[in-house]
Amino acid sequence: FKMADVSVNLAEQVRELPPRESRDVVFDVEDLGVAYSGNKALQDVSLEIYKNFVTAFIGPSGCGKSTFIRCFNRMNDLIPTASVDGTILYHGENLYGPDVDPVEVRKRIGMVFQKPNPFPKSIYDNVAFGPKVNGYKGNMDELVESSLRRAALWDEVKDKLKQSGMALSGGQQQRLCIARAIATSPDVILMDEPCSALDPRSTLQIEDLMAELRQQ
């Protein structure tokens, strides 16, 4: 299985933006700046991000990509030395407005980090945790299986769902984290180099999942 196959797969998924007047803007970023202890990490960033598209930020290590995407679900709030200036409108509402609850923001805007961070729980409970917290009333077994299948992990773990998610390999842990993220059906999913620990075949499966999710 060659990396070229992944590149071809991505190329087939590329499509042109529709006319501006017909685009559905999810995030409208205006003059965004982020600093840590007064040291600027981002400055004067403005752009729009549209519904039903995979938007990628590409650049060298240390240029601020992770800092930028962490602004979209207010993860930088958890860093005491971080300060955020400018505006991010989410469906027209200021994400950093005084009446906005960061916890509610993170329910709607999920995130998968570069380094896998499964909960110290069973594989099943890792996926079911978010839906349980959000009061999910459907069939939890079906939701867990569906999420694991979509993250290309079900066949590898279906007979050991009660085992700890921490016992999985690095690549499996990352796919578990992706399953955990999509189980809550978030409006937006942020992914910080989600495939850096995955082999080419798993990477292709996750890219296929991204293509599927953007239709929704």
N, C-alpha and C. Protein backbone atom coordinates (compact mmCIF):
# COMPACT_ATOMS: atom_id res chain seq x y z
N PHE A 1 0.86 -1.19 0.00
CA PHE A 1 0.00 0.00 0.00
C PHE A 1 0.89 1.23 0.00
N LYS A 2 0.76 2.08 -0.99
CA LYS A 2 1.69 3.19 -1.17
C LYS A 2 1.07 4.51 -0.77
N MET A 3 1.93 5.41 -0.29
CA MET A 3 1.46 6.74 0.08
C MET A 3 0.83 7.45 -1.11
N ALA A 4 1.26 7.11 -2.33
CA ALA A 4 0.69 7.74 -3.52
C ALA A 4 -0.82 7.52 -3.59
N ASP A 5 -1.27 6.36 -3.08
CA ASP A 5 -2.70 6.09 -3.10
C ASP A 5 -3.46 7.10 -2.24
N VAL A 6 -2.84 7.50 -1.13
CA VAL A 6 -3.48 8.49 -0.27
C VAL A 6 -3.57 9.82 -0.98
N SER A 7 -2.49 10.21 -1.68
CA SER A 7 -2.49 11.48 -2.39
C SER A 7 -3.55 11.50 -3.48
N VAL A 8 -3.69 10.40 -4.20
CA VAL A 8 -4.72 10.31 -5.24
C VAL A 8 -6.10 10.43 -4.61
N ASN A 9 -6.29 9.77 -3.46
CA ASN A 9 -7.58 9.82 -2.78
C ASN A 9 -7.94 11.25 -2.40
N LEU A 10 -6.95 12.00 -1.88
CA LEU A 10 -7.20 13.38 -1.50
C LEU A 10 -7.53 14.23 -2.72
N ALA A 11 -6.79 14.00 -3.80
CA ALA A 11 -7.02 14.79 -5.00
C ALA A 11 -8.43 14.60 -5.53
N GLU A 12 -8.95 13.37 -5.39
CA GLU A 12 -10.29 13.10 -5.88
C GLU A 12 -11.36 13.81 -5.05
N GLN A 13 -11.00 14.18 -3.80
CA GLN A 13 -11.97 14.80 -2.91
C GLN A 13 -12.00 16.32 -3.03
N VAL A 14 -11.06 16.91 -3.74
CA VAL A 14 -10.98 18.36 -3.85
C VAL A 14 -12.10 18.87 -4.74
N ARG A 15 -12.77 19.92 -4.29
CA ARG A 15 -13.77 20.55 -5.12
C ARG A 15 -13.68 22.06 -4.94
N GLU A 16 -14.12 22.77 -5.95
CA GLU A 16 -14.00 24.22 -5.92
C GLU A 16 -15.05 24.82 -5.00
N LEU A 17 -14.70 25.96 -4.42
CA LEU A 17 -15.67 26.67 -3.60
C LEU A 17 -16.81 27.19 -4.45
N PRO A 18 -18.03 27.13 -3.94
CA PRO A 18 -19.15 27.74 -4.65
C PRO A 18 -19.04 29.25 -4.58
N PRO A 19 -19.87 29.99 -5.31
CA PRO A 19 -19.83 31.45 -5.23
C PRO A 19 -20.00 31.93 -3.80
N ARG A 20 -19.35 33.03 -3.46
CA ARG A 20 -19.34 33.51 -2.08
C ARG A 20 -20.75 33.68 -1.52
N GLU A 21 -21.68 34.17 -2.34
CA GLU A 21 -23.02 34.45 -1.82
C GLU A 21 -23.78 33.18 -1.44
N SER A 22 -23.32 32.02 -1.91
CA SER A 22 -24.01 30.77 -1.59
C SER A 22 -23.27 29.94 -0.54
N ARG A 23 -22.18 30.46 0.00
CA ARG A 23 -21.43 29.72 1.01
C ARG A 23 -22.05 29.93 2.39
N ASP A 24 -22.04 28.86 3.17
CA ASP A 24 -22.56 28.91 4.53
C ASP A 24 -21.37 29.08 5.48
N VAL A 25 -21.21 30.28 6.04
CA VAL A 25 -20.05 30.58 6.89
C VAL A 25 -20.30 30.04 8.29
N VAL A 26 -19.40 29.17 8.75
CA VAL A 26 -19.48 28.65 10.11
C VAL A 26 -18.64 29.53 11.04
N PHE A 27 -17.41 29.83 10.65
CA PHE A 27 -16.54 30.70 11.44
C PHE A 27 -16.15 31.91 10.60
N ASP A 28 -16.26 33.08 11.20
CA ASP A 28 -15.78 34.31 10.58
C ASP A 28 -14.74 34.91 11.52
N VAL A 29 -13.48 34.80 11.13
CA VAL A 29 -12.37 35.24 11.97
C VAL A 29 -11.94 36.63 11.54
N GLU A 30 -11.84 37.55 12.50
CA GLU A 30 -11.47 38.93 12.18
C GLU A 30 -10.37 39.42 13.12
N ASP A 31 -9.23 39.76 12.54
CA ASP A 31 -8.12 40.38 13.29
C ASP A 31 -7.74 39.59 14.53
N LEU A 32 -7.67 38.27 14.41
CA LEU A 32 -7.35 37.43 15.56
C LEU A 32 -5.88 37.52 15.92
N GLY A 33 -5.63 37.64 17.21
CA GLY A 33 -4.26 37.62 17.71
C GLY A 33 -4.20 36.81 18.99
N VAL A 34 -3.13 36.04 19.17
CA VAL A 34 -2.94 35.25 20.38
C VAL A 34 -1.52 35.47 20.87
N ALA A 35 -1.41 35.64 22.19
CA ALA A 35 -0.08 35.82 22.79
C ALA A 35 0.03 34.95 24.02
N TYR A 36 1.25 34.48 24.29
CA TYR A 36 1.57 33.74 25.52
C TYR A 36 2.54 34.57 26.33
N SER A 37 2.11 34.98 27.52
CA SER A 37 2.93 35.85 28.39
C SER A 37 3.43 37.08 27.63
N GLY A 38 2.56 37.61 26.77
CA GLY A 38 2.90 38.80 26.01
C GLY A 38 3.65 38.55 24.72
N ASN A 39 4.08 37.31 24.47
CA ASN A 39 4.79 36.98 23.23
C ASN A 39 3.79 36.55 22.17
N LYS A 40 3.76 37.25 21.06
CA LYS A 40 2.75 37.01 20.04
C LYS A 40 3.00 35.69 19.30
N ALA A 41 1.95 34.88 19.25
CA ALA A 41 2.00 33.64 18.48
C ALA A 41 1.25 33.78 17.16
N LEU A 42 0.19 34.59 17.18
CA LEU A 42 -0.59 34.90 15.98
C LEU A 42 -0.91 36.39 15.98
N GLN A 43 -1.03 36.96 14.79
CA GLN A 43 -1.35 38.38 14.71
C GLN A 43 -2.14 38.68 13.44
N ASP A 44 -3.26 39.39 13.59
CA ASP A 44 -4.05 39.91 12.47
C ASP A 44 -4.47 38.81 11.49
N VAL A 45 -5.05 37.75 12.02
CA VAL A 45 -5.55 36.66 11.17
C VAL A 45 -7.03 36.89 10.89
N SER A 46 -7.39 36.90 9.62
CA SER A 46 -8.79 37.07 9.22
C SER A 46 -9.10 36.11 8.09
N LEU A 47 -10.19 35.36 8.23
CA LEU A 47 -10.63 34.46 7.17
C LEU A 47 -12.01 33.91 7.51
N GLU A 48 -12.64 33.29 6.52
CA GLU A 48 -13.91 32.61 6.73
C GLU A 48 -13.73 31.11 6.55
N ILE A 49 -14.48 30.32 7.32
CA ILE A 49 -14.46 28.86 7.20
C ILE A 49 -15.89 28.41 6.96
N TYR A 50 -16.06 27.54 5.95
CA TYR A 50 -17.40 27.24 5.44
C TYR A 50 -17.88 25.85 5.82
N LYS A 51 -19.18 25.72 5.91
CA LYS A 51 -19.83 24.45 6.22
C LYS A 51 -19.62 23.46 5.07
N ASN A 52 -19.50 22.17 5.44
CA ASN A 52 -19.37 21.07 4.48
C ASN A 52 -18.07 21.11 3.69
N PHE A 53 -17.04 21.69 4.29
CA PHE A 53 -15.72 21.67 3.68
C PHE A 53 -14.69 21.23 4.71
N VAL A 54 -13.66 20.54 4.23
CA VAL A 54 -12.49 20.27 5.07
C VAL A 54 -11.51 21.40 4.82
N THR A 55 -11.22 22.17 5.86
CA THR A 55 -10.29 23.30 5.74
C THR A 55 -8.99 22.92 6.43
N ALA A 56 -7.88 23.01 5.71
CA ALA A 56 -6.58 22.60 6.25
C ALA A 56 -5.66 23.81 6.40
N PHE A 57 -4.93 23.84 7.52
CA PHE A 57 -3.92 24.87 7.74
C PHE A 57 -2.56 24.20 7.66
N ILE A 58 -1.72 24.69 6.76
CA ILE A 58 -0.44 24.07 6.47
C ILE A 58 0.67 25.09 6.70
N GLY A 59 1.73 24.64 7.39
CA GLY A 59 2.85 25.53 7.62
C GLY A 59 3.91 24.83 8.44
N PRO A 60 5.06 25.47 8.61
CA PRO A 60 6.18 24.84 9.33
C PRO A 60 5.88 24.70 10.81
N SER A 61 6.65 23.86 11.46
CA SER A 61 6.50 23.65 12.90
C SER A 61 6.70 24.97 13.65
N GLY A 62 5.81 25.25 14.59
CA GLY A 62 5.95 26.44 15.40
C GLY A 62 5.34 27.69 14.82
N CYS A 63 4.63 27.59 13.69
CA CYS A 63 4.09 28.80 13.06
C CYS A 63 2.73 29.21 13.64
N GLY A 64 2.14 28.37 14.52
CA GLY A 64 0.90 28.78 15.17
C GLY A 64 -0.34 28.01 14.75
N LYS A 65 -0.17 26.92 14.02
CA LYS A 65 -1.35 26.16 13.55
C LYS A 65 -2.18 25.62 14.72
N SER A 66 -1.51 25.00 15.68
CA SER A 66 -2.23 24.44 16.83
C SER A 66 -2.86 25.55 17.66
N THR A 67 -2.12 26.62 17.86
CA THR A 67 -2.66 27.76 18.60
C THR A 67 -3.92 28.28 17.92
N PHE A 68 -3.89 28.34 16.60
CA PHE A 68 -5.03 28.86 15.84
C PHE A 68 -6.27 27.99 16.02
N ILE A 69 -6.15 26.69 15.79
CA ILE A 69 -7.36 25.86 15.84
C ILE A 69 -7.88 25.73 17.27
N ARG A 70 -7.01 25.87 18.26
CA ARG A 70 -7.46 25.82 19.66
C ARG A 70 -8.34 27.03 20.00
N CYS A 71 -8.25 28.08 19.20
CA CYS A 71 -9.12 29.24 19.43
C CYS A 71 -10.58 28.92 19.12
N PHE A 72 -10.82 27.96 18.22
CA PHE A 72 -12.18 27.71 17.77
C PHE A 72 -13.04 27.00 18.81
N ASN A 73 -12.43 26.32 19.77
CA ASN A 73 -13.24 25.75 20.86
C ASN A 73 -12.74 26.22 22.22
N ARG A 74 -12.04 27.33 22.21
CA ARG A 74 -11.61 28.03 23.42
C ARG A 74 -10.72 27.18 24.32
N MET A 75 -9.93 26.32 23.70
CA MET A 75 -8.98 25.53 24.48
C MET A 75 -7.86 26.40 25.05
N ASN A 76 -7.59 27.54 24.39
CA ASN A 76 -6.55 28.43 24.91
C ASN A 76 -6.96 29.05 26.25
N ASP A 77 -8.25 29.00 26.56
CA ASP A 77 -8.71 29.50 27.86
C ASP A 77 -8.05 28.74 29.01
N LEU A 78 -7.65 27.49 28.73
CA LEU A 78 -7.09 26.63 29.77
C LEU A 78 -5.61 26.91 30.02
N ILE A 79 -5.02 27.83 29.24
CA ILE A 79 -3.61 28.19 29.41
C ILE A 79 -3.55 29.54 30.10
N PRO A 80 -3.10 29.60 31.36
CA PRO A 80 -3.16 30.85 32.12
C PRO A 80 -2.45 32.02 31.46
N THR A 81 -1.38 31.76 30.72
CA THR A 81 -0.59 32.85 30.14
C THR A 81 -1.10 33.31 28.79
N ALA A 82 -2.15 32.65 28.27
CA ALA A 82 -2.63 32.96 26.92
C ALA A 82 -3.63 34.11 26.94
N SER A 83 -3.54 34.97 25.93
CA SER A 83 -4.51 36.04 25.73
C SER A 83 -4.94 36.03 24.28
N VAL A 84 -6.23 36.26 24.05
CA VAL A 84 -6.79 36.21 22.70
C VAL A 84 -7.46 37.54 22.39
N ASP A 85 -7.09 38.15 21.27
CA ASP A 85 -7.68 39.40 20.81
C ASP A 85 -8.35 39.17 19.46
N GLY A 86 -9.22 40.10 19.08
CA GLY A 86 -9.93 39.95 17.82
C GLY A 86 -11.26 39.25 18.03
N THR A 87 -11.84 38.78 16.93
CA THR A 87 -13.19 38.21 16.99
C THR A 87 -13.26 36.92 16.21
N ILE A 88 -13.95 35.93 16.79
CA ILE A 88 -14.33 34.73 16.05
C ILE A 88 -15.83 34.58 16.17
N LEU A 89 -16.53 34.75 15.06
CA LEU A 89 -17.98 34.55 15.04
C LEU A 89 -18.27 33.12 14.64
N TYR A 90 -19.10 32.45 15.44
CA TYR A 90 -19.53 31.07 15.17
C TYR A 90 -21.02 31.12 14.88
N HIS A 91 -21.36 30.88 13.61
CA HIS A 91 -22.75 31.05 13.16
C HIS A 91 -23.27 32.43 13.57
N GLY A 92 -22.39 33.43 13.48
CA GLY A 92 -22.78 34.81 13.74
C GLY A 92 -22.67 35.25 15.17
N GLU A 93 -22.34 34.35 16.10
CA GLU A 93 -22.23 34.71 17.51
C GLU A 93 -20.77 34.72 17.94
N ASN A 94 -20.41 35.74 18.71
CA ASN A 94 -19.03 35.90 19.16
C ASN A 94 -18.67 34.79 20.14
N LEU A 95 -17.74 33.94 19.75
CA LEU A 95 -17.34 32.81 20.60
C LEU A 95 -16.76 33.29 21.94
N TYR A 96 -16.20 34.48 21.93
CA TYR A 96 -15.55 34.99 23.14
C TYR A 96 -16.42 36.05 23.83
N GLY A 97 -17.70 36.04 23.54
CA GLY A 97 -18.61 36.95 24.20
C GLY A 97 -18.76 36.63 25.68
N PRO A 98 -19.13 37.61 26.51
CA PRO A 98 -19.20 37.42 27.97
C PRO A 98 -20.25 36.40 28.41
N ASP A 99 -21.25 36.17 27.59
CA ASP A 99 -22.32 35.25 27.98
C ASP A 99 -22.15 33.85 27.39
N VAL A 100 -21.03 33.61 26.71
CA VAL A 100 -20.80 32.31 26.07
C VAL A 100 -20.11 31.36 27.03
N ASP A 101 -20.67 30.16 27.20
CA ASP A 101 -20.12 29.14 28.09
C ASP A 101 -19.12 28.29 27.32
N PRO A 102 -17.82 28.31 27.69
CA PRO A 102 -16.83 27.52 26.97
C PRO A 102 -17.15 26.03 26.94
N VAL A 103 -17.76 25.51 28.00
CA VAL A 103 -18.10 24.09 28.04
C VAL A 103 -19.13 23.77 26.96
N GLU A 104 -20.10 24.65 26.79
CA GLU A 104 -21.11 24.46 25.75
C GLU A 104 -20.48 24.54 24.37
N VAL A 105 -19.50 25.44 24.22
CA VAL A 105 -18.77 25.55 22.95
C VAL A 105 -18.11 24.23 22.61
N ARG A 106 -17.47 23.60 23.60
CA ARG A 106 -16.73 22.36 23.35
C ARG A 106 -17.64 21.17 23.11
N LYS A 107 -18.91 21.26 23.51
CA LYS A 107 -19.87 20.22 23.18
C LYS A 107 -20.18 20.24 21.69
N ARG A 108 -20.17 21.42 21.10
CA ARG A 108 -20.53 21.58 19.69
C ARG A 108 -19.32 21.52 18.77
N ILE A 109 -18.15 21.80 19.33
CA ILE A 109 -16.93 21.84 18.53
C ILE A 109 -15.94 20.87 19.14
N GLY A 110 -15.87 19.66 18.58
CA GLY A 110 -15.01 18.62 19.11
C GLY A 110 -13.58 18.78 18.63
N MET A 111 -12.67 18.04 19.28
CA MET A 111 -11.26 18.17 18.91
C MET A 111 -10.53 16.85 19.08
N VAL A 112 -9.64 16.58 18.13
CA VAL A 112 -8.73 15.44 18.18
C VAL A 112 -7.31 16.00 18.16
N PHE A 113 -6.53 15.67 19.18
CA PHE A 113 -5.20 16.23 19.32
C PHE A 113 -4.16 15.38 18.59
N GLN A 114 -2.99 15.97 18.38
CA GLN A 114 -1.91 15.26 17.70
C GLN A 114 -1.46 14.05 18.51
N LYS A 115 -1.35 14.21 19.82
CA LYS A 115 -0.97 13.11 20.68
C LYS A 115 -2.23 12.45 21.24
N PRO A 116 -2.40 11.14 21.03
CA PRO A 116 -3.61 10.47 21.52
C PRO A 116 -3.77 10.66 23.03
N ASN A 117 -5.00 10.92 23.46
CA ASN A 117 -5.27 11.13 24.88
C ASN A 117 -6.54 10.40 25.32
N PRO A 118 -6.55 9.06 25.19
CA PRO A 118 -7.74 8.31 25.64
C PRO A 118 -7.93 8.47 27.14
N PHE A 119 -9.20 8.37 27.57
CA PHE A 119 -9.49 8.40 28.99
C PHE A 119 -9.02 7.10 29.64
N PRO A 120 -8.68 7.11 30.92
CA PRO A 120 -8.31 5.86 31.62
C PRO A 120 -9.56 5.04 31.92
N LYS A 121 -10.25 4.67 30.87
CA LYS A 121 -11.49 3.89 30.95
C LYS A 121 -11.44 2.80 29.90
N SER A 122 -12.47 1.97 29.87
CA SER A 122 -12.54 0.92 28.85
C SER A 122 -12.73 1.55 27.47
N ILE A 123 -12.47 0.76 26.45
CA ILE A 123 -12.68 1.22 25.07
C ILE A 123 -14.12 1.66 24.89
N TYR A 124 -15.03 0.85 25.38
CA TYR A 124 -16.47 1.17 25.27
C TYR A 124 -16.78 2.49 25.96
N ASP A 125 -16.30 2.65 27.19
CA ASP A 125 -16.63 3.85 27.96
C ASP A 125 -15.98 5.10 27.40
N ASN A 126 -14.83 4.94 26.73
CA ASN A 126 -14.22 6.10 26.07
C ASN A 126 -15.17 6.69 25.04
N VAL A 127 -15.79 5.83 24.24
CA VAL A 127 -16.68 6.30 23.19
C VAL A 127 -18.02 6.76 23.76
N ALA A 128 -18.50 6.05 24.78
CA ALA A 128 -19.82 6.34 25.34
C ALA A 128 -19.82 7.53 26.28
N PHE A 129 -18.66 7.97 26.74
CA PHE A 129 -18.59 9.00 27.78
C PHE A 129 -19.30 10.29 27.35
N GLY A 130 -18.94 10.81 26.19
CA GLY A 130 -19.53 12.07 25.73
C GLY A 130 -21.04 11.99 25.56
N PRO A 131 -21.54 10.99 24.82
CA PRO A 131 -22.99 10.87 24.69
C PRO A 131 -23.72 10.75 26.02
N LYS A 132 -23.13 10.02 26.99
CA LYS A 132 -23.76 9.89 28.31
C LYS A 132 -23.85 11.26 28.98
N VAL A 133 -22.78 12.01 28.94
CA VAL A 133 -22.76 13.34 29.57
C VAL A 133 -23.80 14.25 28.92
N ASN A 134 -23.98 14.09 27.61
CA ASN A 134 -24.93 14.94 26.87
C ASN A 134 -26.36 14.41 26.94
N GLY A 135 -26.59 13.32 27.68
CA GLY A 135 -27.95 12.81 27.85
C GLY A 135 -28.49 12.01 26.69
N TYR A 136 -27.61 11.32 25.98
CA TYR A 136 -28.04 10.53 24.82
C TYR A 136 -29.05 9.46 25.25
N LYS A 137 -30.16 9.35 24.51
CA LYS A 137 -31.25 8.44 24.87
C LYS A 137 -31.38 7.24 23.92
N GLY A 138 -30.54 7.18 22.90
CA GLY A 138 -30.64 6.11 21.92
C GLY A 138 -29.94 4.84 22.38
N ASN A 139 -29.72 3.93 21.43
CA ASN A 139 -29.06 2.66 21.71
C ASN A 139 -27.55 2.90 21.78
N MET A 140 -27.00 2.85 22.99
CA MET A 140 -25.59 3.18 23.18
C MET A 140 -24.68 2.15 22.52
N ASP A 141 -25.06 0.87 22.57
CA ASP A 141 -24.23 -0.17 21.94
C ASP A 141 -24.08 0.10 20.45
N GLU A 142 -25.18 0.48 19.79
CA GLU A 142 -25.14 0.75 18.36
C GLU A 142 -24.30 1.99 18.07
N LEU A 143 -24.42 3.00 18.91
CA LEU A 143 -23.65 4.23 18.71
C LEU A 143 -22.15 3.96 18.86
N VAL A 144 -21.78 3.19 19.88
CA VAL A 144 -20.37 2.86 20.09
C VAL A 144 -19.82 2.08 18.90
N GLU A 145 -20.57 1.07 18.45
CA GLU A 145 -20.11 0.28 17.30
C GLU A 145 -19.99 1.14 16.05
N SER A 146 -20.99 1.97 15.79
CA SER A 146 -20.96 2.82 14.60
C SER A 146 -19.77 3.77 14.64
N SER A 147 -19.51 4.37 15.79
CA SER A 147 -18.40 5.33 15.91
C SER A 147 -17.06 4.63 15.71
N LEU A 148 -16.91 3.44 16.28
CA LEU A 148 -15.67 2.69 16.12
C LEU A 148 -15.49 2.22 14.68
N ARG A 149 -16.57 1.85 14.03
CA ARG A 149 -16.48 1.45 12.62
C ARG A 149 -16.04 2.62 11.76
N ARG A 150 -16.62 3.76 11.99
CA ARG A 150 -16.29 4.93 11.17
C ARG A 150 -14.86 5.37 11.38
N ALA A 151 -14.32 5.11 12.57
CA ALA A 151 -12.93 5.44 12.85
C ALA A 151 -11.98 4.30 12.49
N ALA A 152 -12.49 3.30 11.78
CA ALA A 152 -11.69 2.18 11.29
C ALA A 152 -11.02 1.40 12.42
N LEU A 153 -11.76 1.20 13.53
CA LEU A 153 -11.18 0.51 14.68
C LEU A 153 -12.00 -0.69 15.15
N TRP A 154 -13.24 -0.79 14.71
CA TRP A 154 -14.16 -1.80 15.25
C TRP A 154 -13.61 -3.23 15.12
N ASP A 155 -13.12 -3.58 13.96
CA ASP A 155 -12.67 -4.97 13.75
C ASP A 155 -11.52 -5.35 14.67
N GLU A 156 -10.75 -4.37 15.11
CA GLU A 156 -9.59 -4.64 15.96
C GLU A 156 -9.95 -4.71 17.44
N VAL A 157 -11.08 -4.15 17.83
CA VAL A 157 -11.39 -4.06 19.27
C VAL A 157 -12.74 -4.66 19.65
N LYS A 158 -13.49 -5.18 18.68
CA LYS A 158 -14.87 -5.60 18.97
C LYS A 158 -14.95 -6.70 20.02
N ASP A 159 -13.87 -7.47 20.20
CA ASP A 159 -13.88 -8.54 21.19
C ASP A 159 -13.22 -8.14 22.51
N LYS A 160 -12.83 -6.90 22.64
CA LYS A 160 -12.17 -6.45 23.87
C LYS A 160 -12.61 -5.04 24.27
N LEU A 161 -13.90 -4.79 24.14
CA LEU A 161 -14.43 -3.47 24.45
C LEU A 161 -14.30 -3.11 25.92
N LYS A 162 -14.18 -4.13 26.79
CA LYS A 162 -14.07 -3.87 28.22
C LYS A 162 -12.64 -3.60 28.66
N GLN A 163 -11.69 -3.80 27.74
CA GLN A 163 -10.30 -3.54 28.07
C GLN A 163 -10.02 -2.04 28.05
N SER A 164 -8.98 -1.63 28.76
CA SER A 164 -8.64 -0.22 28.85
C SER A 164 -8.20 0.35 27.50
N GLY A 165 -8.66 1.54 27.20
CA GLY A 165 -8.21 2.21 25.99
C GLY A 165 -6.74 2.56 26.05
N MET A 166 -6.18 2.63 27.25
CA MET A 166 -4.76 2.95 27.40
C MET A 166 -3.87 1.79 26.96
N ALA A 167 -4.44 0.59 26.82
CA ALA A 167 -3.65 -0.58 26.44
C ALA A 167 -3.48 -0.71 24.94
N LEU A 168 -4.16 0.12 24.17
CA LEU A 168 -4.07 0.06 22.72
C LEU A 168 -2.75 0.66 22.23
N SER A 169 -2.38 0.34 21.00
CA SER A 169 -1.19 0.95 20.40
C SER A 169 -1.46 2.44 20.14
N GLY A 170 -0.40 3.18 19.83
CA GLY A 170 -0.56 4.62 19.60
C GLY A 170 -1.54 4.93 18.49
N GLY A 171 -1.43 4.21 17.37
CA GLY A 171 -2.34 4.45 16.26
C GLY A 171 -3.77 4.08 16.61
N GLN A 172 -3.94 2.99 17.34
CA GLN A 172 -5.28 2.58 17.77
C GLN A 172 -5.87 3.60 18.75
N GLN A 173 -5.04 4.12 19.64
CA GLN A 173 -5.51 5.13 20.58
C GLN A 173 -6.00 6.37 19.84
N GLN A 174 -5.29 6.75 18.78
CA GLN A 174 -5.72 7.93 18.03
C GLN A 174 -7.06 7.68 17.36
N ARG A 175 -7.24 6.50 16.78
CA ARG A 175 -8.53 6.19 16.16
C ARG A 175 -9.64 6.11 17.20
N LEU A 176 -9.29 5.66 18.42
CA LEU A 176 -10.27 5.66 19.51
C LEU A 176 -10.68 7.10 19.85
N CYS A 177 -9.71 8.00 19.88
CA CYS A 177 -10.02 9.40 20.16
C CYS A 177 -10.89 10.02 19.07
N ILE A 178 -10.67 9.60 17.83
CA ILE A 178 -11.51 10.08 16.74
C ILE A 178 -12.92 9.53 16.89
N ALA A 179 -13.05 8.25 17.25
CA ALA A 179 -14.37 7.67 17.50
C ALA A 179 -15.07 8.39 18.63
N ARG A 180 -14.32 8.71 19.68
CA ARG A 180 -14.88 9.44 20.82
C ARG A 180 -15.38 10.82 20.40
N ALA A 181 -14.65 11.47 19.50
CA ALA A 181 -15.03 12.81 19.05
C ALA A 181 -16.30 12.79 18.22
N ILE A 182 -16.43 11.81 17.32
CA ILE A 182 -17.58 11.81 16.43
C ILE A 182 -18.82 11.23 17.08
N ALA A 183 -18.66 10.53 18.22
CA ALA A 183 -19.81 9.89 18.88
C ALA A 183 -20.83 10.92 19.35
N THR A 184 -20.40 12.13 19.64
CA THR A 184 -21.31 13.17 20.14
C THR A 184 -21.93 13.98 19.00
N SER A 185 -21.62 13.62 17.76
CA SER A 185 -22.15 14.33 16.57
C SER A 185 -21.93 15.84 16.69
N PRO A 186 -20.68 16.27 16.85
CA PRO A 186 -20.43 17.71 16.97
C PRO A 186 -20.70 18.44 15.65
N ASP A 187 -20.91 19.73 15.74
CA ASP A 187 -21.13 20.55 14.55
C ASP A 187 -19.84 20.74 13.77
N VAL A 188 -18.73 20.80 14.50
CA VAL A 188 -17.40 21.00 13.92
C VAL A 188 -16.43 20.04 14.59
N ILE A 189 -15.50 19.50 13.84
CA ILE A 189 -14.43 18.70 14.42
C ILE A 189 -13.09 19.34 14.05
N LEU A 190 -12.30 19.65 15.07
CA LEU A 190 -10.96 20.17 14.88
C LEU A 190 -9.98 19.02 15.01
N MET A 191 -9.06 18.91 14.08
CA MET A 191 -8.08 17.83 14.12
C MET A 191 -6.68 18.40 13.98
N ASP A 192 -5.86 18.17 14.99
CA ASP A 192 -4.49 18.68 14.99
C ASP A 192 -3.55 17.54 14.60
N GLU A 193 -3.22 17.46 13.32
CA GLU A 193 -2.38 16.39 12.78
C GLU A 193 -2.86 15.02 13.27
N PRO A 194 -4.10 14.66 13.01
CA PRO A 194 -4.67 13.44 13.60
C PRO A 194 -4.07 12.15 13.07
N CYS A 195 -3.40 12.23 11.93
CA CYS A 195 -2.88 11.00 11.32
C CYS A 195 -1.38 10.85 11.47
N SER A 196 -0.76 11.68 12.30
CA SER A 196 0.71 11.64 12.41
C SER A 196 1.19 10.32 13.01
N ALA A 197 0.33 9.63 13.78
CA ALA A 197 0.74 8.36 14.39
C ALA A 197 0.17 7.15 13.66
N LEU A 198 -0.43 7.38 12.49
CA LEU A 198 -1.12 6.30 11.79
C LEU A 198 -0.34 5.84 10.57
N ASP A 199 -0.55 4.58 10.20
CA ASP A 199 0.05 4.04 8.98
C ASP A 199 -0.76 4.52 7.78
N PRO A 200 -0.25 4.35 6.56
CA PRO A 200 -0.95 4.86 5.38
C PRO A 200 -2.37 4.34 5.22
N ARG A 201 -2.61 3.06 5.51
CA ARG A 201 -3.96 2.53 5.33
C ARG A 201 -4.94 3.17 6.31
N SER A 202 -4.53 3.29 7.57
CA SER A 202 -5.40 3.94 8.55
C SER A 202 -5.61 5.41 8.21
N THR A 203 -4.55 6.06 7.70
CA THR A 203 -4.67 7.45 7.28
C THR A 203 -5.72 7.58 6.19
N LEU A 204 -5.70 6.68 5.23
CA LEU A 204 -6.68 6.71 4.15
C LEU A 204 -8.09 6.54 4.69
N GLN A 205 -8.26 5.64 5.67
CA GLN A 205 -9.59 5.42 6.25
C GLN A 205 -10.09 6.66 6.97
N ILE A 206 -9.20 7.36 7.66
CA ILE A 206 -9.60 8.57 8.35
C ILE A 206 -9.93 9.68 7.35
N GLU A 207 -9.18 9.75 6.26
CA GLU A 207 -9.50 10.74 5.22
C GLU A 207 -10.85 10.45 4.59
N ASP A 208 -11.15 9.17 4.40
CA ASP A 208 -12.48 8.80 3.89
C ASP A 208 -13.57 9.23 4.88
N LEU A 209 -13.29 9.07 6.18
CA LEU A 209 -14.23 9.49 7.20
C LEU A 209 -14.45 11.00 7.14
N MET A 210 -13.38 11.75 6.96
CA MET A 210 -13.51 13.21 6.83
C MET A 210 -14.41 13.58 5.66
N ALA A 211 -14.22 12.88 4.54
CA ALA A 211 -15.04 13.15 3.36
C ALA A 211 -16.51 12.83 3.64
N GLU A 212 -16.75 11.76 4.41
CA GLU A 212 -18.12 11.39 4.78
C GLU A 212 -18.72 12.44 5.72
N LEU A 213 -17.97 12.85 6.72
CA LEU A 213 -18.48 13.77 7.71
C LEU A 213 -18.81 15.14 7.11
N ARG A 214 -18.03 15.57 6.15
CA ARG A 214 -18.29 16.91 5.61
C ARG A 214 -19.62 16.98 4.86
N GLN A 215 -20.14 15.84 4.43
CA GLN A 215 -21.45 15.86 3.79
C GLN A 215 -22.55 16.23 4.79
N GLN A 216 -22.25 16.00 6.07
CA GLN A 216 -23.23 16.29 7.12
C GLN A 216 -23.03 17.66 7.74
